[in-house]
Amino acid sequence: MKLQGAIIKEQGVTFAIVIVKSHLLNNQQQARDAQTGFARFFPGLPIILMAQNSSGVPTYYGRKDIVRFLSGIYFERIPWKEYTFAA
């Protein structure tokens, strides 16, 4: 499995961001299910979901303190990469 995301350590908190399709963030149950599913790839880390609208503006879903932090930084500064996991 391949996914786009980032692992960030900021202010003593390490968390993972996973890029998802925007429709996933429109349904809280699906978003929570996605977080649970991605947690196996990033054990012990809070999972933040990120989607972009058609203009490229990011929306984050997850722990409120982390989402607040991410909302205040430039999307381009996040060290995005592709992760590959065995199926």
C-alpha atoms as a PDB file:
ATOM      1  CA  MET A   1       0.000   0.000   0.000  1.00  0.00           C
ATOM      2  CA  LYS A   2       1.207   3.488  -0.840  1.00  0.00           C
ATOM      3  CA  LEU A   3       0.091   6.707   0.760  1.00  0.00           C
ATOM      4  CA  GLN A   4       1.149  10.326   0.797  1.00  0.00           C
ATOM      5  CA  GLY A   5       1.790  11.880   4.148  1.00  0.00           C
ATOM      6  CA  ALA A   6       4.239  13.231   6.674  1.00  0.00           C
ATOM      7  CA  ILE A   7       5.490  12.574  10.167  1.00  0.00           C
ATOM      8  CA  ILE A   8       6.069  15.738  12.138  1.00  0.00           C
ATOM      9  CA  LYS A   9       7.517  16.409  15.561  1.00  0.00           C
ATOM     10  CA  GLU A  10       6.587  19.815  16.861  1.00  0.00           C
ATOM     11  CA  GLN A  11       6.518  21.209  20.390  1.00  0.00           C
ATOM     12  CA  GLY A  12       7.183  17.746  21.839  1.00  0.00           C
ATOM     13  CA  VAL A  13       4.338  16.076  19.931  1.00  0.00           C
ATOM     14  CA  THR A  14       4.955  13.621  17.091  1.00  0.00           C
ATOM     15  CA  PHE A  15       2.040  12.998  14.729  1.00  0.00           C
ATOM     16  CA  ALA A  16       1.296  11.671  11.265  1.00  0.00           C
ATOM     17  CA  ILE A  17      -0.582  13.446   8.492  1.00  0.00           C
ATOM     18  CA  VAL A  18      -2.192  11.383   5.732  1.00  0.00           C
ATOM     19  CA  ILE A  19      -3.513  12.921   2.521  1.00  0.00           C
ATOM     20  CA  VAL A  20      -7.046  11.747   1.689  1.00  0.00           C
ATOM     21  CA  LYS A  21      -9.797  12.627  -0.794  1.00  0.00           C
ATOM     22  CA  SER A  22     -11.865  15.622   0.293  1.00  0.00           C
ATOM     23  CA  HIS A  23     -15.168  13.720   0.413  1.00  0.00           C
ATOM     24  CA  LEU A  24     -13.766  11.632   3.285  1.00  0.00           C
ATOM     25  CA  LEU A  25     -13.679  14.678   5.546  1.00  0.00           C
ATOM     26  CA  ASN A  26     -17.374  15.385   4.911  1.00  0.00           C
ATOM     27  CA  ASN A  27     -18.424  12.361   6.963  1.00  0.00           C
ATOM     28  CA  GLN A  28     -17.122  12.200  10.534  1.00  0.00           C
ATOM     29  CA  GLN A  29     -17.652   8.451  10.853  1.00  0.00           C
ATOM     30  CA  GLN A  30     -15.717   7.761   7.650  1.00  0.00           C
ATOM     31  CA  ALA A  31     -12.976  10.145   8.776  1.00  0.00           C
ATOM     32  CA  ARG A  32     -12.679   8.392  12.160  1.00  0.00           C
ATOM     33  CA  ASP A  33     -12.660   5.004  10.424  1.00  0.00           C
ATOM     34  CA  ALA A  34      -9.859   6.221   8.147  1.00  0.00           C
ATOM     35  CA  GLN A  35      -7.851   7.424  11.142  1.00  0.00           C
ATOM     36  CA  THR A  36      -8.264   4.008  12.767  1.00  0.00           C
ATOM     37  CA  GLY A  37      -7.192   2.270   9.570  1.00  0.00           C
ATOM     38  CA  PHE A  38      -4.103   4.457   9.101  1.00  0.00           C
ATOM     39  CA  ALA A  39      -3.092   4.027  12.764  1.00  0.00           C
ATOM     40  CA  ARG A  40      -1.696   0.566  11.989  1.00  0.00           C
ATOM     41  CA  PHE A  41       0.868   2.195   9.691  1.00  0.00           C
ATOM     42  CA  PHE A  42       1.847   4.828  12.267  1.00  0.00           C
ATOM     43  CA  PRO A  43       1.483   3.040  15.624  1.00  0.00           C
ATOM     44  CA  GLY A  44       1.187   5.261  18.659  1.00  0.00           C
ATOM     45  CA  LEU A  45       0.950   8.491  16.673  1.00  0.00           C
ATOM     46  CA  PRO A  46      -2.086  10.745  16.436  1.00  0.00           C
ATOM     47  CA  ILE A  47      -3.402  10.600  12.861  1.00  0.00           C
ATOM     48  CA  ILE A  48      -4.364  13.817  11.122  1.00  0.00           C
ATOM     49  CA  LEU A  49      -6.192  13.634   7.800  1.00  0.00           C
ATOM     50  CA  MET A  50      -5.619  16.309   5.186  1.00  0.00           C
ATOM     51  CA  ALA A  51      -7.561  17.029   2.010  1.00  0.00           C
ATOM     52  CA  GLN A  52      -7.344  19.891  -0.452  1.00  0.00           C
ATOM     53  CA  ASN A  53     -10.233  21.623  -2.158  1.00  0.00           C
ATOM     54  CA  SER A  54     -10.256  22.391  -5.882  1.00  0.00           C
ATOM     55  CA  SER A  55      -8.216  25.549  -5.206  1.00  0.00           C
ATOM     56  CA  GLY A  56      -5.564  23.602  -3.310  1.00  0.00           C
ATOM     57  CA  VAL A  57      -6.538  24.937   0.116  1.00  0.00           C
ATOM     58  CA  PRO A  58      -5.904  22.266   2.777  1.00  0.00           C
ATOM     59  CA  THR A  59      -8.419  21.137   5.389  1.00  0.00           C
ATOM     60  CA  TYR A  60      -7.233  19.086   8.366  1.00  0.00           C
ATOM     61  CA  TYR A  61      -9.162  16.619  10.510  1.00  0.00           C
ATOM     62  CA  GLY A  62      -8.027  15.226  13.834  1.00  0.00           C
ATOM     63  CA  ARG A  63      -6.852  16.368  17.226  1.00  0.00           C
ATOM     64  CA  LYS A  64      -7.926  19.964  17.635  1.00  0.00           C
ATOM     65  CA  ASP A  65      -4.602  21.247  18.990  1.00  0.00           C
ATOM     66  CA  ILE A  66      -2.698  19.726  16.065  1.00  0.00           C
ATOM     67  CA  VAL A  67      -5.248  20.932  13.508  1.00  0.00           C
ATOM     68  CA  ARG A  68      -4.982  24.440  14.969  1.00  0.00           C
ATOM     69  CA  PHE A  69      -1.179  24.290  14.667  1.00  0.00           C
ATOM     70  CA  LEU A  70      -1.305  23.012  11.069  1.00  0.00           C
ATOM     71  CA  SER A  71      -3.813  25.671  10.073  1.00  0.00           C
ATOM     72  CA  GLY A  72      -1.242  28.301  10.986  1.00  0.00           C
ATOM     73  CA  ILE A  73       1.619  27.030   8.808  1.00  0.00           C
ATOM     74  CA  TYR A  74       2.151  26.951   5.078  1.00  0.00           C
ATOM     75  CA  PHE A  75       1.125  23.649   3.494  1.00  0.00           C
ATOM     76  CA  GLU A  76       4.316  23.698   1.414  1.00  0.00           C
ATOM     77  CA  ARG A  77       6.509  23.611   4.537  1.00  0.00           C
ATOM     78  CA  ILE A  78       5.253  20.163   5.516  1.00  0.00           C
ATOM     79  CA  PRO A  79       7.807  17.462   4.579  1.00  0.00           C
ATOM     80  CA  TRP A  80       5.465  15.362   2.411  1.00  0.00           C
ATOM     81  CA  LYS A  81       6.628  12.008   1.142  1.00  0.00           C
ATOM     82  CA  GLU A  82       5.279   8.754  -0.229  1.00  0.00           C
ATOM     83  CA  TYR A  83       5.166   5.856   2.212  1.00  0.00           C
ATOM     84  CA  THR A  84       5.043   2.265   1.020  1.00  0.00           C
ATOM     85  CA  PHE A  85       3.804  -0.497   3.314  1.00  0.00           C
ATOM     86  CA  ALA A  86       3.562  -4.239   2.733  1.00  0.00           C
ATOM     87  CA  ALA A  87      -0.019  -5.368   2.193  1.00  0.00           C
END
